[in-house]
C-alpha atoms as a PDB file:
ATOM      1  CA  UNK A   1     -28.601 -18.282  28.100  1.00  0.00           C
ATOM      2  CA  UNK A   2     -27.824 -21.394  29.037  1.00  0.00           C
ATOM      3  CA  UNK A   3     -28.897 -24.313  27.461  1.00  0.00           C
ATOM      4  CA  UNK A   4     -28.682 -22.493  23.768  1.00  0.00           C
ATOM      5  CA  UNK A   5     -25.921 -24.172  21.576  1.00  0.00           C
ATOM      6  CA  UNK A   6     -23.585 -22.099  20.147  1.00  0.00           C
ATOM      7  CA  UNK A   7     -25.235 -22.199  16.410  1.00  0.00           C
ATOM      8  CA  UNK A   8     -28.373 -20.272  18.675  1.00  0.00           C
ATOM      9  CA  UNK A   9     -25.588 -18.151  19.666  1.00  0.00           C
ATOM     10  CA  UNK A  10     -25.412 -16.868  15.695  1.00  0.00           C
ATOM     11  CA  UNK A  11     -28.174 -14.380  13.862  1.00  0.00           C
ATOM     12  CA  UNK A  12     -27.771 -14.483  10.262  1.00  0.00           C
ATOM     13  CA  UNK A  13     -28.111 -11.083   8.880  1.00  0.00           C
ATOM     14  CA  UNK A  14     -27.394  -9.509   4.942  1.00  0.00           C
ATOM     15  CA  UNK A  15     -23.985  -8.720   4.022  1.00  0.00           C
ATOM     16  CA  UNK A  16     -23.578  -6.681   0.794  1.00  0.00           C
ATOM     17  CA  UNK A  17     -20.076  -8.649   0.679  1.00  0.00           C
ATOM     18  CA  UNK A  18     -21.880 -12.091   0.020  1.00  0.00           C
ATOM     19  CA  UNK A  19     -24.416 -10.929  -1.757  1.00  0.00           C
ATOM     20  CA  UNK A  20     -21.700  -9.428  -4.616  1.00  0.00           C
ATOM     21  CA  UNK A  21     -19.716 -13.114  -4.125  1.00  0.00           C
ATOM     22  CA  UNK A  22     -23.178 -15.222  -4.537  1.00  0.00           C
ATOM     23  CA  UNK A  23     -23.231 -13.683  -7.607  1.00  0.00           C
ATOM     24  CA  UNK A  24     -20.068 -13.302  -8.572  1.00  0.00           C
ATOM     25  CA  UNK A  25     -20.031 -16.556  -8.394  1.00  0.00           C
ATOM     26  CA  UNK A  26     -23.433 -17.606 -10.302  1.00  0.00           C
ATOM     27  CA  UNK A  27     -21.466 -15.398 -13.466  1.00  0.00           C
ATOM     28  CA  UNK A  28     -18.797 -17.395 -13.156  1.00  0.00           C
ATOM     29  CA  UNK A  29     -21.051 -20.563 -12.745  1.00  0.00           C
ATOM     30  CA  UNK A  30     -22.900 -19.581 -16.017  1.00  0.00           C
ATOM     31  CA  UNK A  31     -20.767 -18.385 -18.025  1.00  0.00           C
ATOM     32  CA  UNK A  32     -18.293 -21.432 -17.203  1.00  0.00           C
ATOM     33  CA  UNK A  33     -22.014 -23.810 -18.867  1.00  0.00           C
ATOM     34  CA  UNK A  34     -22.064 -20.843 -22.090  1.00  0.00           C
ATOM     35  CA  UNK A  35     -18.092 -22.434 -22.819  1.00  0.00           C
ATOM     36  CA  UNK A  36     -18.769 -26.382 -21.626  1.00  0.00           C
ATOM     37  CA  UNK A  37     -21.676 -26.192 -23.732  1.00  0.00           C
ATOM     38  CA  UNK A  38     -19.901 -25.294 -26.807  1.00  0.00           C
ATOM     39  CA  UNK A  39     -17.518 -28.393 -26.924  1.00  0.00           C
ATOM     40  CA  UNK A  40     -13.983 -28.301 -27.302  1.00  0.00           C
ATOM     41  CA  UNK A  41     -10.850 -27.924 -24.548  1.00  0.00           C
ATOM     42  CA  UNK A  42      -9.170 -24.295 -24.145  1.00  0.00           C
ATOM     43  CA  UNK A  43      -4.881 -24.399 -24.712  1.00  0.00           C
ATOM     44  CA  UNK A  44      -4.746 -23.506 -21.207  1.00  0.00           C
ATOM     45  CA  UNK A  45      -7.442 -25.923 -19.449  1.00  0.00           C
ATOM     46  CA  UNK A  46      -5.745 -28.829 -21.550  1.00  0.00           C
ATOM     47  CA  UNK A  47      -2.534 -27.406 -20.175  1.00  0.00           C
ATOM     48  CA  UNK A  48      -3.914 -27.433 -16.660  1.00  0.00           C
ATOM     49  CA  UNK A  49      -5.989 -31.209 -17.124  1.00  0.00           C
ATOM     50  CA  UNK A  50      -2.214 -32.661 -17.956  1.00  0.00           C
ATOM     51  CA  UNK A  51      -0.369 -30.945 -15.443  1.00  0.00           C
ATOM     52  CA  UNK A  52      -2.690 -32.604 -13.002  1.00  0.00           C
ATOM     53  CA  UNK A  53      -3.626 -35.473 -14.668  1.00  0.00           C
ATOM     54  CA  UNK A  54      -0.095 -36.463 -14.977  1.00  0.00           C
ATOM     55  CA  UNK A  55       1.183 -36.378 -10.868  1.00  0.00           C
ATOM     56  CA  UNK A  56       2.228 -39.411  -9.859  1.00  0.00           C
ATOM     57  CA  UNK A  57      -0.111 -42.173  -9.719  1.00  0.00           C
ATOM     58  CA  UNK A  58       1.455 -43.362  -5.684  1.00  0.00           C
ATOM     59  CA  UNK A  59      -0.512 -40.501  -4.544  1.00  0.00           C
ATOM     60  CA  UNK A  60      -3.838 -42.243  -5.704  1.00  0.00           C
ATOM     61  CA  UNK A  61      -4.395 -43.829  -2.035  1.00  0.00           C
ATOM     62  CA  UNK A  62      -4.222 -41.445  -0.324  1.00  0.00           C
ATOM     63  CA  UNK A  63      -6.059 -38.188  -2.938  1.00  0.00           C
ATOM     64  CA  UNK A  64      -8.912 -40.943  -2.997  1.00  0.00           C
ATOM     65  CA  UNK A  65      -9.892 -40.578   0.349  1.00  0.00           C
ATOM     66  CA  UNK A  66      -9.342 -36.839   0.049  1.00  0.00           C
ATOM     67  CA  UNK A  67     -11.856 -36.655  -2.324  1.00  0.00           C
ATOM     68  CA  UNK A  68     -14.777 -38.175  -0.624  1.00  0.00           C
ATOM     69  CA  UNK A  69     -15.096 -35.451   1.170  1.00  0.00           C
ATOM     70  CA  UNK A  70     -16.516 -34.031  -1.849  1.00  0.00           C
ATOM     71  CA  UNK A  71     -19.472 -36.435  -2.178  1.00  0.00           C
ATOM     72  CA  UNK A  72     -22.758 -37.186  -0.881  1.00  0.00           C
ATOM     73  CA  UNK A  73     -21.312 -39.232   2.377  1.00  0.00           C
ATOM     74  CA  UNK A  74     -19.061 -36.814   2.646  1.00  0.00           C
ATOM     75  CA  UNK A  75     -21.095 -34.024   3.223  1.00  0.00           C
ATOM     76  CA  UNK A  76     -23.560 -35.812   5.920  1.00  0.00           C
ATOM     77  CA  UNK A  77     -20.940 -37.029   7.343  1.00  0.00           C
ATOM     78  CA  UNK A  78     -19.278 -33.570   8.056  1.00  0.00           C
ATOM     79  CA  UNK A  79     -22.914 -33.451   9.729  1.00  0.00           C
ATOM     80  CA  UNK A  80     -22.515 -35.814  11.727  1.00  0.00           C
ATOM     81  CA  UNK A  81     -19.646 -35.178  13.306  1.00  0.00           C
ATOM     82  CA  UNK A  82     -20.438 -31.803  13.485  1.00  0.00           C
ATOM     83  CA  UNK A  83     -23.360 -32.685  15.204  1.00  0.00           C
ATOM     84  CA  UNK A  84     -20.932 -35.174  17.755  1.00  0.00           C
ATOM     85  CA  UNK A  85     -19.262 -31.847  18.500  1.00  0.00           C
ATOM     86  CA  UNK A  86     -22.359 -29.984  19.994  1.00  0.00           C
ATOM     87  CA  UNK A  87     -23.363 -27.859  16.742  1.00  0.00           C
ATOM     88  CA  UNK A  88     -26.833 -29.752  16.230  1.00  0.00           C
ATOM     89  CA  UNK A  89     -28.623 -26.858  13.455  1.00  0.00           C
ATOM     90  CA  UNK A  90     -25.442 -26.582  12.016  1.00  0.00           C
ATOM     91  CA  UNK A  91     -25.042 -29.978  11.991  1.00  0.00           C
ATOM     92  CA  UNK A  92     -27.918 -30.578   9.625  1.00  0.00           C
ATOM     93  CA  UNK A  93     -28.155 -27.631   8.155  1.00  0.00           C
ATOM     94  CA  UNK A  94     -24.569 -28.639   6.016  1.00  0.00           C
ATOM     95  CA  UNK A  95     -25.686 -32.314   5.386  1.00  0.00           C
ATOM     96  CA  UNK A  96     -28.710 -30.495   4.275  1.00  0.00           C
ATOM     97  CA  UNK A  97     -27.066 -27.724   1.521  1.00  0.00           C
ATOM     98  CA  UNK A  98     -23.922 -30.818   0.857  1.00  0.00           C
ATOM     99  CA  UNK A  99     -27.200 -33.198  -0.339  1.00  0.00           C
ATOM    100  CA  UNK A 100     -29.157 -29.935  -2.406  1.00  0.00           C
ATOM    101  CA  UNK A 101     -25.117 -29.285  -3.417  1.00  0.00           C
ATOM    102  CA  UNK A 102     -25.280 -33.054  -4.984  1.00  0.00           C
ATOM    103  CA  UNK A 103     -28.638 -33.399  -6.550  1.00  0.00           C
ATOM    104  CA  UNK A 104     -28.314 -29.826  -7.842  1.00  0.00           C
ATOM    105  CA  UNK A 105     -25.376 -30.564  -9.697  1.00  0.00           C
ATOM    106  CA  UNK A 106     -26.624 -33.896 -11.354  1.00  0.00           C
ATOM    107  CA  UNK A 107     -29.876 -31.730 -12.495  1.00  0.00           C
ATOM    108  CA  UNK A 108     -27.648 -28.963 -14.437  1.00  0.00           C
ATOM    109  CA  UNK A 109     -25.455 -31.491 -16.327  1.00  0.00           C
ATOM    110  CA  UNK A 110     -27.830 -33.190 -19.472  1.00  0.00           C
ATOM    111  CA  UNK A 111     -28.839 -28.625 -19.963  1.00  0.00           C
ATOM    112  CA  UNK A 112     -24.958 -28.911 -20.614  1.00  0.00           C
ATOM    113  CA  UNK A 113     -23.969 -31.985 -22.258  1.00  0.00           C
ATOM    114  CA  UNK A 114     -19.786 -31.541 -21.726  1.00  0.00           C
ATOM    115  CA  UNK A 115     -18.456 -34.850 -21.630  1.00  0.00           C
ATOM    116  CA  UNK A 116     -15.504 -36.901 -19.818  1.00  0.00           C
ATOM    117  CA  UNK A 117     -11.911 -36.594 -20.093  1.00  0.00           C
ATOM    118  CA  UNK A 118     -11.440 -40.233 -21.297  1.00  0.00           C
ATOM    119  CA  UNK A 119     -13.613 -38.860 -24.253  1.00  0.00           C
ATOM    120  CA  UNK A 120     -12.819 -35.623 -25.121  1.00  0.00           C
ATOM    121  CA  UNK A 121      -8.620 -35.192 -24.536  1.00  0.00           C
ATOM    122  CA  UNK A 122      -6.801 -37.945 -25.716  1.00  0.00           C
ATOM    123  CA  UNK A 123      -4.481 -39.533 -24.016  1.00  0.00           C
ATOM    124  CA  UNK A 124      -6.333 -38.619 -20.901  1.00  0.00           C
ATOM    125  CA  UNK A 125      -5.368 -40.698 -17.383  1.00  0.00           C
ATOM    126  CA  UNK A 126      -8.088 -42.071 -15.629  1.00  0.00           C
ATOM    127  CA  UNK A 127      -7.233 -43.724 -12.274  1.00  0.00           C
ATOM    128  CA  UNK A 128      -9.860 -45.813 -10.639  1.00  0.00           C
ATOM    129  CA  UNK A 129     -13.442 -46.438 -11.796  1.00  0.00           C
ATOM    130  CA  UNK A 130     -13.880 -44.896 -15.038  1.00  0.00           C
ATOM    131  CA  UNK A 131     -16.962 -42.059 -14.243  1.00  0.00           C
ATOM    132  CA  UNK A 132     -19.816 -42.719 -16.101  1.00  0.00           C
ATOM    133  CA  UNK A 133     -21.828 -39.850 -16.923  1.00  0.00           C
ATOM    134  CA  UNK A 134     -21.059 -36.239 -18.009  1.00  0.00           C
ATOM    135  CA  UNK A 135     -18.664 -33.294 -17.011  1.00  0.00           C
ATOM    136  CA  UNK A 136     -19.695 -29.794 -16.422  1.00  0.00           C
ATOM    137  CA  UNK A 137     -20.221 -29.185 -13.346  1.00  0.00           C
ATOM    138  CA  UNK A 138     -18.187 -31.207 -11.020  1.00  0.00           C
ATOM    139  CA  UNK A 139     -20.255 -32.391  -8.302  1.00  0.00           C
ATOM    140  CA  UNK A 140     -17.246 -33.385  -5.741  1.00  0.00           C
ATOM    141  CA  UNK A 141     -16.455 -29.555  -6.430  1.00  0.00           C
ATOM    142  CA  UNK A 142     -20.324 -28.487  -5.818  1.00  0.00           C
ATOM    143  CA  UNK A 143     -20.466 -30.410  -2.535  1.00  0.00           C
ATOM    144  CA  UNK A 144     -17.173 -28.992  -1.140  1.00  0.00           C
ATOM    145  CA  UNK A 145     -18.190 -25.408  -2.026  1.00  0.00           C
ATOM    146  CA  UNK A 146     -21.573 -25.967  -1.262  1.00  0.00           C
ATOM    147  CA  UNK A 147     -20.728 -27.135   2.565  1.00  0.00           C
ATOM    148  CA  UNK A 148     -17.991 -25.114   3.057  1.00  0.00           C
ATOM    149  CA  UNK A 149     -20.035 -21.870   2.382  1.00  0.00           C
ATOM    150  CA  UNK A 150     -21.928 -23.214   5.374  1.00  0.00           C
ATOM    151  CA  UNK A 151     -19.591 -24.325   8.443  1.00  0.00           C
ATOM    152  CA  UNK A 152     -16.499 -21.694   7.296  1.00  0.00           C
ATOM    153  CA  UNK A 153     -18.435 -18.812   8.341  1.00  0.00           C
ATOM    154  CA  UNK A 154     -19.026 -20.712  12.389  1.00  0.00           C
ATOM    155  CA  UNK A 155     -14.744 -21.871  12.689  1.00  0.00           C
ATOM    156  CA  UNK A 156     -12.267 -19.096  14.007  1.00  0.00           C
ATOM    157  CA  UNK A 157     -10.977 -16.651  11.997  1.00  0.00           C
ATOM    158  CA  UNK A 158      -7.216 -18.362  11.433  1.00  0.00           C
ATOM    159  CA  UNK A 159      -9.599 -22.098  10.426  1.00  0.00           C
ATOM    160  CA  UNK A 160     -11.682 -19.966   7.309  1.00  0.00           C
ATOM    161  CA  UNK A 161      -8.815 -19.846   4.986  1.00  0.00           C
ATOM    162  CA  UNK A 162      -7.540 -22.816   5.487  1.00  0.00           C
ATOM    163  CA  UNK A 163     -11.164 -24.414   5.552  1.00  0.00           C
ATOM    164  CA  UNK A 164     -11.887 -23.219   1.631  1.00  0.00           C
ATOM    165  CA  UNK A 165      -8.097 -24.431   0.655  1.00  0.00           C
ATOM    166  CA  UNK A 166      -9.530 -27.938   1.604  1.00  0.00           C
ATOM    167  CA  UNK A 167     -13.413 -27.463  -0.445  1.00  0.00           C
ATOM    168  CA  UNK A 168     -11.269 -26.240  -2.913  1.00  0.00           C
ATOM    169  CA  UNK A 169      -8.610 -28.829  -3.139  1.00  0.00           C
ATOM    170  CA  UNK A 170     -11.316 -31.454  -3.547  1.00  0.00           C
ATOM    171  CA  UNK A 171     -12.381 -30.203  -6.836  1.00  0.00           C
ATOM    172  CA  UNK A 172      -8.420 -30.484  -8.205  1.00  0.00           C
ATOM    173  CA  UNK A 173      -8.673 -33.743  -7.288  1.00  0.00           C
ATOM    174  CA  UNK A 174     -10.894 -35.068  -9.912  1.00  0.00           C
ATOM    175  CA  UNK A 175      -8.692 -33.878 -12.703  1.00  0.00           C
ATOM    176  CA  UNK A 176      -5.805 -36.051 -11.319  1.00  0.00           C
ATOM    177  CA  UNK A 177      -7.995 -39.207 -11.795  1.00  0.00           C
ATOM    178  CA  UNK A 178      -9.588 -38.089 -15.632  1.00  0.00           C
ATOM    179  CA  UNK A 179     -13.012 -37.476 -14.193  1.00  0.00           C
ATOM    180  CA  UNK A 180     -13.179 -33.469 -15.062  1.00  0.00           C
ATOM    181  CA  UNK A 181     -11.510 -30.757 -16.922  1.00  0.00           C
ATOM    182  CA  UNK A 182     -10.547 -27.641 -14.509  1.00  0.00           C
ATOM    183  CA  UNK A 183     -13.737 -25.920 -16.334  1.00  0.00           C
ATOM    184  CA  UNK A 184     -16.379 -28.937 -15.024  1.00  0.00           C
ATOM    185  CA  UNK A 185     -14.098 -27.889 -11.442  1.00  0.00           C
ATOM    186  CA  UNK A 186     -14.416 -24.253 -11.377  1.00  0.00           C
ATOM    187  CA  UNK A 187     -18.224 -23.771 -12.884  1.00  0.00           C
ATOM    188  CA  UNK A 188     -18.600 -26.759  -9.663  1.00  0.00           C
ATOM    189  CA  UNK A 189     -17.345 -24.397  -6.605  1.00  0.00           C
ATOM    190  CA  UNK A 190     -19.029 -21.645  -8.106  1.00  0.00           C
ATOM    191  CA  UNK A 191     -21.981 -23.239  -7.722  1.00  0.00           C
ATOM    192  CA  UNK A 192     -21.418 -24.301  -4.501  1.00  0.00           C
ATOM    193  CA  UNK A 193     -20.925 -21.088  -3.350  1.00  0.00           C
ATOM    194  CA  UNK A 194     -24.304 -19.714  -4.584  1.00  0.00           C
ATOM    195  CA  UNK A 195     -26.558 -23.304  -3.351  1.00  0.00           C
ATOM    196  CA  UNK A 196     -23.933 -22.482   0.396  1.00  0.00           C
ATOM    197  CA  UNK A 197     -25.105 -18.729   0.390  1.00  0.00           C
ATOM    198  CA  UNK A 198     -29.085 -19.442  -0.145  1.00  0.00           C
ATOM    199  CA  UNK A 199     -28.426 -22.185   2.126  1.00  0.00           C
ATOM    200  CA  UNK A 200     -27.027 -19.856   4.737  1.00  0.00           C
ATOM    201  CA  UNK A 201     -27.839 -17.005   4.329  1.00  0.00           C
ATOM    202  CA  UNK A 202     -26.006 -14.273   2.998  1.00  0.00           C
ATOM    203  CA  UNK A 203     -23.830 -14.388   6.362  1.00  0.00           C
ATOM    204  CA  UNK A 204     -23.127 -14.820   9.843  1.00  0.00           C
ATOM    205  CA  UNK A 205     -22.072 -12.642  13.190  1.00  0.00           C
ATOM    206  CA  UNK A 206     -22.136 -13.477  16.631  1.00  0.00           C
ATOM    207  CA  UNK A 207     -24.907 -12.989  18.828  1.00  0.00           C
ATOM    208  CA  UNK A 208     -24.508 -11.406  21.883  1.00  0.00           C
ATOM    209  CA  UNK A 209     -25.284 -14.170  24.776  1.00  0.00           C
END
C-alpha cells in the first residue's frame, strides 16, 4: 500500500444517519428561507442579534481575523493547508466544496431577498465596512459549514467536535459585526451542511491499509 496518501485509504459509503442529517439540514434551510421571505424579525431573533451585536467593540480585530475562515479565501486556504500536510485529495475537495458553497449562497439570496440588519433593525451597529447585498443565507456560515462537513470526518475523533464548534462560531461572528441576522446564519449553516454532504459523499470510513 506504499505510495498511497492517507486520503486514498478512505472509502465513501452510504450512511443512513448522514442522509437524515442532510435532509434535516435541507428542511431547516427551506423553512428559514420561507420565514425570511415573509419579512420582519421575530422578537427572539432580535434579542439574539442584539446580544451578539452589543459585545465589546475591542474584540473586533481578532473576531474579524477569525471571520475570514468563512469567506472564499478561507476555504481555498484550508484546502492549501491540507495539501501541504499530505492530504491533496482532501484539500482539493475542501477547496472545491467551499467554492460551491460561496457561489451557492450568493445564488440563493435574490430568491429570498432579505435585507441586512442595517436596514431591518433599528440601531444595529455595523463594525467595519458595511456589507452590500442581501442577507439570507450568510455566505460565511455556508462556507464554514460546508468545509467542516468535508474535513471533520477525516479528523481524529477528538477533533471533530471542536472543528464544528469553530465552523459554527464563524457564522455567529456575522451578527457581532452587524452583517447578518441569526436566521441568516442558521440558514447558511444548514445550506453548508447540505452542500458538504453532497460534495464529500454521505459518509466516510477508514479502509484497510
